[in-house]
Amino acid sequence: MARNEEKQLGRLNRYYLKRQHDEMKRKNPNRPKLEALNSVEDIKHWIPSLKKDIDFHLKQLQVPCYPERKIAEINKKIDYLKIEYQAFTKKLRKLDPSLTDVPWTERSYQQCATEENLRKEPLHKQMVDSTIIPSAFVPIKTPILDKNISAEHSDTTVTNTDFSNLPDTMDAPLQFVKNQSQVTGHNRLNLAYSSSESEDDGNNT
């Protein structure tokens, strides 16, 4: 009973692996030979697979545990793929002579179309006078900004002060009050202020 169950599981496993293999083969079919490709679209379709295979084998060369025999086989495979890639690109240029860059490769530097148009146009068309204002141009009213600008101009005016009417005591040194009569004479509130000397005498006593 257990033996029959193992056989059935084995058959089911083989069937699952076969379906998985067929599905992968359908999604990733083998690359056809160059003689079977006669259109630009077909060649462009298969060039990425060549690049992918070359990159895969180049990564295999970085494995340190491979023996010399395995490394020699990988190098031989890389050389074959490079020759095949060159044949693909050569036939692609033959079928499409107007092609400048090969798909899936770095593009060469090309000047912008705007620069070419500027070179073809005469010089008087390229020059633009920025001082010309359209006749329909109407400036926007900004009363707040205009008010601030006028205020700034008014603040910058210089005021002349007349120093001829100032008293002569303006430059005199400071004088301190020392007796009660001077305090009451100069005090508007008639408060009894004590001088510093009287405070010192009271503290000493």
C-alpha atoms as a PDB file:
ATOM      1  CA  MET A   1       0.000   0.000   0.000  1.00  0.00           C
ATOM      2  CA  ALA A   2       2.768   2.437   0.925  1.00  0.00           C
ATOM      3  CA  ARG A   3       4.760   1.345  -2.159  1.00  0.00           C
ATOM      4  CA  ASN A   4       1.885   2.216  -4.487  1.00  0.00           C
ATOM      5  CA  GLU A   5       1.507   5.602  -2.805  1.00  0.00           C
ATOM      6  CA  GLU A   6       5.201   6.354  -3.381  1.00  0.00           C
ATOM      7  CA  LYS A   7       4.845   5.430  -7.076  1.00  0.00           C
ATOM      8  CA  GLN A   8       1.864   7.718  -7.476  1.00  0.00           C
ATOM      9  CA  LEU A   9       3.706  10.607  -5.782  1.00  0.00           C
ATOM     10  CA  GLY A  10       6.691  10.001  -8.072  1.00  0.00           C
ATOM     11  CA  ARG A  11       4.527  10.141 -11.197  1.00  0.00           C
ATOM     12  CA  LEU A  12       2.816  13.299  -9.910  1.00  0.00           C
ATOM     13  CA  ASN A  13       6.187  14.922  -9.243  1.00  0.00           C
ATOM     14  CA  ARG A  14       7.502  14.098 -12.729  1.00  0.00           C
ATOM     15  CA  TYR A  15       4.314  15.437 -14.303  1.00  0.00           C
ATOM     16  CA  TYR A  16       4.617  18.680 -12.315  1.00  0.00           C
ATOM     17  CA  LEU A  17       8.278  19.135 -13.286  1.00  0.00           C
ATOM     18  CA  LYS A  18       7.480  18.491 -16.956  1.00  0.00           C
ATOM     19  CA  ARG A  19       4.717  21.080 -16.951  1.00  0.00           C
ATOM     20  CA  GLN A  20       7.015  23.562 -15.223  1.00  0.00           C
ATOM     21  CA  HIS A  21       9.752  22.925 -17.804  1.00  0.00           C
ATOM     22  CA  ASP A  22       7.322  23.343 -20.707  1.00  0.00           C
ATOM     23  CA  GLU A  23       6.012  26.576 -19.227  1.00  0.00           C
ATOM     24  CA  MET A  24       9.522  27.996 -18.860  1.00  0.00           C
ATOM     25  CA  LYS A  25      10.389  26.910 -22.389  1.00  0.00           C
ATOM     26  CA  ARG A  26       7.262  28.584 -23.704  1.00  0.00           C
ATOM     27  CA  LYS A  27       8.042  31.823 -21.897  1.00  0.00           C
ATOM     28  CA  ASN A  28      11.752  31.700 -22.782  1.00  0.00           C
ATOM     29  CA  PRO A  29      12.085  29.970 -26.146  1.00  0.00           C
ATOM     30  CA  ASN A  30      15.464  29.160 -27.629  1.00  0.00           C
ATOM     31  CA  ARG A  31      17.060  31.876 -29.688  1.00  0.00           C
ATOM     32  CA  PRO A  32      16.697  31.083 -33.400  1.00  0.00           C
ATOM     33  CA  LYS A  33      19.618  31.185 -35.780  1.00  0.00           C
ATOM     34  CA  LEU A  34      20.448  34.398 -37.557  1.00  0.00           C
ATOM     35  CA  GLU A  35      19.597  32.914 -40.957  1.00  0.00           C
ATOM     36  CA  ALA A  36      15.968  32.491 -39.846  1.00  0.00           C
ATOM     37  CA  LEU A  37      15.600  36.183 -38.942  1.00  0.00           C
ATOM     38  CA  ASN A  38      14.807  38.416 -41.909  1.00  0.00           C
ATOM     39  CA  SER A  39      13.202  41.495 -40.327  1.00  0.00           C
ATOM     40  CA  VAL A  40      14.479  44.358 -38.201  1.00  0.00           C
ATOM     41  CA  GLU A  41      11.875  43.745 -35.497  1.00  0.00           C
ATOM     42  CA  ASP A  42      12.905  40.095 -35.051  1.00  0.00           C
ATOM     43  CA  ILE A  43      16.595  40.958 -34.704  1.00  0.00           C
ATOM     44  CA  LYS A  44      15.831  43.731 -32.207  1.00  0.00           C
ATOM     45  CA  HIS A  45      13.724  41.262 -30.249  1.00  0.00           C
ATOM     46  CA  TRP A  46      16.577  38.756 -29.801  1.00  0.00           C
ATOM     47  CA  ILE A  47      19.479  41.141 -29.150  1.00  0.00           C
ATOM     48  CA  PRO A  48      18.596  41.520 -25.422  1.00  0.00           C
ATOM     49  CA  SER A  49      18.807  37.739 -24.947  1.00  0.00           C
ATOM     50  CA  LEU A  50      22.360  37.800 -26.323  1.00  0.00           C
ATOM     51  CA  LYS A  51      23.306  40.554 -23.904  1.00  0.00           C
ATOM     52  CA  LYS A  52      21.743  38.614 -21.047  1.00  0.00           C
ATOM     53  CA  ASP A  53      23.701  35.436 -21.877  1.00  0.00           C
ATOM     54  CA  ILE A  54      26.988  37.338 -22.106  1.00  0.00           C
ATOM     55  CA  ASP A  55      26.400  39.000 -18.739  1.00  0.00           C
ATOM     56  CA  PHE A  56      25.527  35.643 -17.159  1.00  0.00           C
ATOM     57  CA  HIS A  57      28.766  34.014 -18.313  1.00  0.00           C
ATOM     58  CA  LEU A  58      30.821  37.025 -17.255  1.00  0.00           C
ATOM     59  CA  LYS A  59      29.411  36.677 -13.748  1.00  0.00           C
ATOM     60  CA  GLN A  60      30.348  32.991 -13.762  1.00  0.00           C
ATOM     61  CA  LEU A  61      33.986  33.943 -14.336  1.00  0.00           C
ATOM     62  CA  GLN A  62      33.972  35.688 -10.959  1.00  0.00           C
ATOM     63  CA  VAL A  63      33.333  32.425  -9.088  1.00  0.00           C
ATOM     64  CA  PRO A  64      36.636  31.550  -7.350  1.00  0.00           C
ATOM     65  CA  CYS A  65      35.996  27.814  -6.892  1.00  0.00           C
ATOM     66  CA  TYR A  66      35.755  26.914 -10.614  1.00  0.00           C
ATOM     67  CA  PRO A  67      38.667  24.894 -12.044  1.00  0.00           C
ATOM     68  CA  GLU A  68      40.695  26.064 -15.021  1.00  0.00           C
ATOM     69  CA  ARG A  69      38.873  23.703 -17.368  1.00  0.00           C
ATOM     70  CA  LYS A  70      35.504  25.234 -16.432  1.00  0.00           C
ATOM     71  CA  ILE A  71      36.884  28.767 -16.821  1.00  0.00           C
ATOM     72  CA  ALA A  72      38.236  27.910 -20.289  1.00  0.00           C
ATOM     73  CA  GLU A  73      34.796  26.621 -21.333  1.00  0.00           C
ATOM     74  CA  ILE A  74      33.149  29.817 -20.091  1.00  0.00           C
ATOM     75  CA  ASN A  75      35.641  31.992 -21.995  1.00  0.00           C
ATOM     76  CA  LYS A  76      35.025  29.968 -25.132  1.00  0.00           C
ATOM     77  CA  LYS A  77      31.277  30.416 -24.733  1.00  0.00           C
ATOM     78  CA  ILE A  78      31.704  34.174 -24.223  1.00  0.00           C
ATOM     79  CA  ASP A  79      33.786  34.480 -27.397  1.00  0.00           C
ATOM     80  CA  TYR A  80      31.116  32.608 -29.354  1.00  0.00           C
ATOM     81  CA  LEU A  81      28.360  34.863 -27.993  1.00  0.00           C
ATOM     82  CA  LYS A  82      30.359  37.985 -28.885  1.00  0.00           C
ATOM     83  CA  ILE A  83      30.768  36.805 -32.476  1.00  0.00           C
ATOM     84  CA  GLU A  84      27.057  36.042 -32.650  1.00  0.00           C
ATOM     85  CA  TYR A  85      26.223  39.473 -31.243  1.00  0.00           C
ATOM     86  CA  GLN A  86      28.407  41.191 -33.846  1.00  0.00           C
ATOM     87  CA  ALA A  87      26.688  39.184 -36.586  1.00  0.00           C
ATOM     88  CA  PHE A  88      23.276  40.265 -35.298  1.00  0.00           C
ATOM     89  CA  THR A  89      24.246  43.945 -35.258  1.00  0.00           C
ATOM     90  CA  LYS A  90      25.847  43.699 -38.712  1.00  0.00           C
ATOM     91  CA  LYS A  91      22.704  42.226 -40.229  1.00  0.00           C
ATOM     92  CA  LEU A  92      20.576  44.787 -38.398  1.00  0.00           C
ATOM     93  CA  ARG A  93      22.522  47.657 -39.996  1.00  0.00           C
ATOM     94  CA  LYS A  94      22.278  45.915 -43.355  1.00  0.00           C
ATOM     95  CA  LEU A  95      18.495  45.672 -43.145  1.00  0.00           C
ATOM     96  CA  ASP A  96      18.136  49.231 -41.805  1.00  0.00           C
ATOM     97  CA  PRO A  97      20.875  51.530 -43.182  1.00  0.00           C
ATOM     98  CA  SER A  98      19.339  54.566 -41.469  1.00  0.00           C
ATOM     99  CA  LEU A  99      19.972  53.029 -38.039  1.00  0.00           C
ATOM    100  CA  THR A 100      22.574  55.031 -36.104  1.00  0.00           C
ATOM    101  CA  ASP A 101      22.548  53.254 -32.720  1.00  0.00           C
ATOM    102  CA  VAL A 102      22.168  49.593 -31.910  1.00  0.00           C
ATOM    103  CA  PRO A 103      19.327  48.828 -29.469  1.00  0.00           C
ATOM    104  CA  TRP A 104      20.282  48.013 -25.877  1.00  0.00           C
ATOM    105  CA  THR A 105      23.649  49.760 -26.216  1.00  0.00           C
ATOM    106  CA  GLU A 106      24.966  53.157 -25.181  1.00  0.00           C
ATOM    107  CA  ARG A 107      23.993  55.889 -27.590  1.00  0.00           C
ATOM    108  CA  SER A 108      26.537  58.204 -29.132  1.00  0.00           C
ATOM    109  CA  TYR A 109      26.416  61.925 -28.476  1.00  0.00           C
ATOM    110  CA  GLN A 110      24.113  63.852 -30.773  1.00  0.00           C
ATOM    111  CA  GLN A 111      23.470  67.563 -30.919  1.00  0.00           C
ATOM    112  CA  CYS A 112      20.049  68.791 -29.959  1.00  0.00           C
ATOM    113  CA  ALA A 113      17.624  69.663 -32.707  1.00  0.00           C
ATOM    114  CA  THR A 114      17.206  73.144 -31.254  1.00  0.00           C
ATOM    115  CA  GLU A 115      20.878  73.928 -31.801  1.00  0.00           C
ATOM    116  CA  GLU A 116      20.670  72.795 -35.412  1.00  0.00           C
ATOM    117  CA  ASN A 117      17.606  74.946 -35.987  1.00  0.00           C
ATOM    118  CA  LEU A 118      19.322  77.943 -34.466  1.00  0.00           C
ATOM    119  CA  ARG A 119      22.287  77.501 -36.762  1.00  0.00           C
ATOM    120  CA  LYS A 120      20.042  77.320 -39.819  1.00  0.00           C
ATOM    121  CA  GLU A 121      18.018  80.388 -38.889  1.00  0.00           C
ATOM    122  CA  PRO A 122      19.405  83.837 -39.800  1.00  0.00           C
ATOM    123  CA  LEU A 123      20.911  85.964 -37.088  1.00  0.00           C
ATOM    124  CA  HIS A 124      18.280  88.716 -37.188  1.00  0.00           C
ATOM    125  CA  LYS A 125      15.562  86.177 -36.317  1.00  0.00           C
ATOM    126  CA  GLN A 126      17.477  84.884 -33.310  1.00  0.00           C
ATOM    127  CA  MET A 127      17.921  88.340 -31.774  1.00  0.00           C
ATOM    128  CA  VAL A 128      15.027  89.364 -29.570  1.00  0.00           C
ATOM    129  CA  ASP A 129      14.645  92.883 -28.255  1.00  0.00           C
ATOM    130  CA  SER A 130      13.532  92.621 -24.644  1.00  0.00           C
ATOM    131  CA  THR A 131      12.889  96.370 -24.399  1.00  0.00           C
ATOM    132  CA  ILE A 132       9.908  96.263 -26.744  1.00  0.00           C
ATOM    133  CA  ILE A 133       6.679  96.407 -24.737  1.00  0.00           C
ATOM    134  CA  PRO A 134       3.374  95.410 -26.339  1.00  0.00           C
ATOM    135  CA  SER A 135       0.924  98.215 -26.878  1.00  0.00           C
ATOM    136  CA  ALA A 136      -1.797  96.355 -24.980  1.00  0.00           C
ATOM    137  CA  PHE A 137       0.341  96.081 -21.850  1.00  0.00           C
ATOM    138  CA  VAL A 138      -1.381  97.536 -18.770  1.00  0.00           C
ATOM    139  CA  PRO A 139       0.587  97.697 -15.496  1.00  0.00           C
ATOM    140  CA  ILE A 140      -1.069  96.301 -12.393  1.00  0.00           C
ATOM    141  CA  LYS A 141      -1.923  98.822  -9.696  1.00  0.00           C
ATOM    142  CA  THR A 142      -0.195  98.202  -6.381  1.00  0.00           C
ATOM    143  CA  PRO A 143      -1.259 100.979  -3.952  1.00  0.00           C
ATOM    144  CA  ILE A 144       0.340  99.313  -0.937  1.00  0.00           C
ATOM    145  CA  LEU A 145       3.714  99.030  -2.604  1.00  0.00           C
ATOM    146  CA  ASP A 146       3.465 102.550  -3.965  1.00  0.00           C
ATOM    147  CA  LYS A 147       2.641 103.825  -0.478  1.00  0.00           C
ATOM    148  CA  ASN A 148       5.647 102.074   1.026  1.00  0.00           C
ATOM    149  CA  ILE A 149       7.933 103.480  -1.640  1.00  0.00           C
ATOM    150  CA  SER A 150       6.690 107.029  -1.012  1.00  0.00           C
ATOM    151  CA  ALA A 151       7.118 106.534   2.743  1.00  0.00           C
ATOM    152  CA  GLU A 152      10.690 105.383   2.245  1.00  0.00           C
ATOM    153  CA  HIS A 153      11.443 108.483   0.200  1.00  0.00           C
ATOM    154  CA  SER A 154       9.860 110.719   2.852  1.00  0.00           C
ATOM    155  CA  ASP A 155      11.881 109.085   5.645  1.00  0.00           C
ATOM    156  CA  THR A 156      15.137 109.764   3.875  1.00  0.00           C
ATOM    157  CA  THR A 157      14.693 113.564   4.126  1.00  0.00           C
ATOM    158  CA  VAL A 158      17.347 115.245   6.307  1.00  0.00           C
ATOM    159  CA  THR A 159      16.088 117.430   9.199  1.00  0.00           C
ATOM    160  CA  ASN A 160      18.231 120.421  10.196  1.00  0.00           C
ATOM    161  CA  THR A 161      18.294 121.154  13.967  1.00  0.00           C
ATOM    162  CA  ASP A 162      18.985 124.665  15.240  1.00  0.00           C
ATOM    163  CA  PHE A 163      21.494 124.539  18.128  1.00  0.00           C
ATOM    164  CA  SER A 164      21.708 128.326  18.629  1.00  0.00           C
ATOM    165  CA  ASN A 165      18.863 128.508  21.201  1.00  0.00           C
ATOM    166  CA  LEU A 166      20.258 125.864  23.569  1.00  0.00           C
ATOM    167  CA  PRO A 167      21.259 127.057  27.113  1.00  0.00           C
ATOM    168  CA  ASP A 168      24.877 127.601  28.061  1.00  0.00           C
ATOM    169  CA  THR A 169      24.697 124.910  30.742  1.00  0.00           C
ATOM    170  CA  MET A 170      24.362 122.215  28.099  1.00  0.00           C
ATOM    171  CA  ASP A 171      28.071 121.415  28.227  1.00  0.00           C
ATOM    172  CA  ALA A 172      28.538 122.099  31.964  1.00  0.00           C
ATOM    173  CA  PRO A 173      29.455 119.216  34.321  1.00  0.00           C
ATOM    174  CA  LEU A 174      26.832 117.585  36.516  1.00  0.00           C
ATOM    175  CA  GLN A 175      26.152 119.110  39.940  1.00  0.00           C
ATOM    176  CA  PHE A 176      24.678 117.099  42.837  1.00  0.00           C
ATOM    177  CA  VAL A 177      22.291 118.576  45.474  1.00  0.00           C
ATOM    178  CA  LYS A 178      23.778 118.477  48.976  1.00  0.00           C
ATOM    179  CA  ASN A 179      21.459 120.515  51.305  1.00  0.00           C
ATOM    180  CA  GLN A 180      17.746 120.622  52.034  1.00  0.00           C
ATOM    181  CA  SER A 181      17.239 124.145  50.719  1.00  0.00           C
ATOM    182  CA  GLN A 182      18.549 123.254  47.316  1.00  0.00           C
ATOM    183  CA  VAL A 183      16.431 120.114  47.301  1.00  0.00           C
ATOM    184  CA  THR A 184      13.186 121.924  48.108  1.00  0.00           C
ATOM    185  CA  GLY A 185      14.092 124.685  45.741  1.00  0.00           C
ATOM    186  CA  HIS A 186      14.572 122.361  42.847  1.00  0.00           C
ATOM    187  CA  ASN A 187      11.979 119.761  43.877  1.00  0.00           C
ATOM    188  CA  ARG A 188       8.597 120.362  42.297  1.00  0.00           C
ATOM    189  CA  LEU A 189       6.754 118.038  44.705  1.00  0.00           C
ATOM    190  CA  ASN A 190       8.283 119.697  47.841  1.00  0.00           C
ATOM    191  CA  LEU A 191       9.388 116.350  49.244  1.00  0.00           C
ATOM    192  CA  ALA A 192      11.899 116.255  52.066  1.00  0.00           C
ATOM    193  CA  TYR A 193      14.952 114.632  50.567  1.00  0.00           C
ATOM    194  CA  SER A 194      17.921 113.904  52.777  1.00  0.00           C
ATOM    195  CA  SER A 195      21.404 114.324  51.453  1.00  0.00           C
ATOM    196  CA  SER A 196      24.001 111.605  51.453  1.00  0.00           C
ATOM    197  CA  GLU A 197      26.112 113.441  54.048  1.00  0.00           C
ATOM    198  CA  SER A 198      23.278 113.594  56.592  1.00  0.00           C
ATOM    199  CA  GLU A 199      22.603 109.873  56.074  1.00  0.00           C
ATOM    200  CA  ASP A 200      26.245 109.111  56.701  1.00  0.00           C
ATOM    201  CA  ASP A 201      26.233 111.230  59.901  1.00  0.00           C
ATOM    202  CA  GLY A 202      23.134 109.456  61.168  1.00  0.00           C
ATOM    203  CA  ASN A 203      24.653 106.057  60.535  1.00  0.00           C
ATOM    204  CA  ASN A 204      27.854 106.995  62.324  1.00  0.00           C
ATOM    205  CA  THR A 205      25.971 108.176  65.388  1.00  0.00           C
END
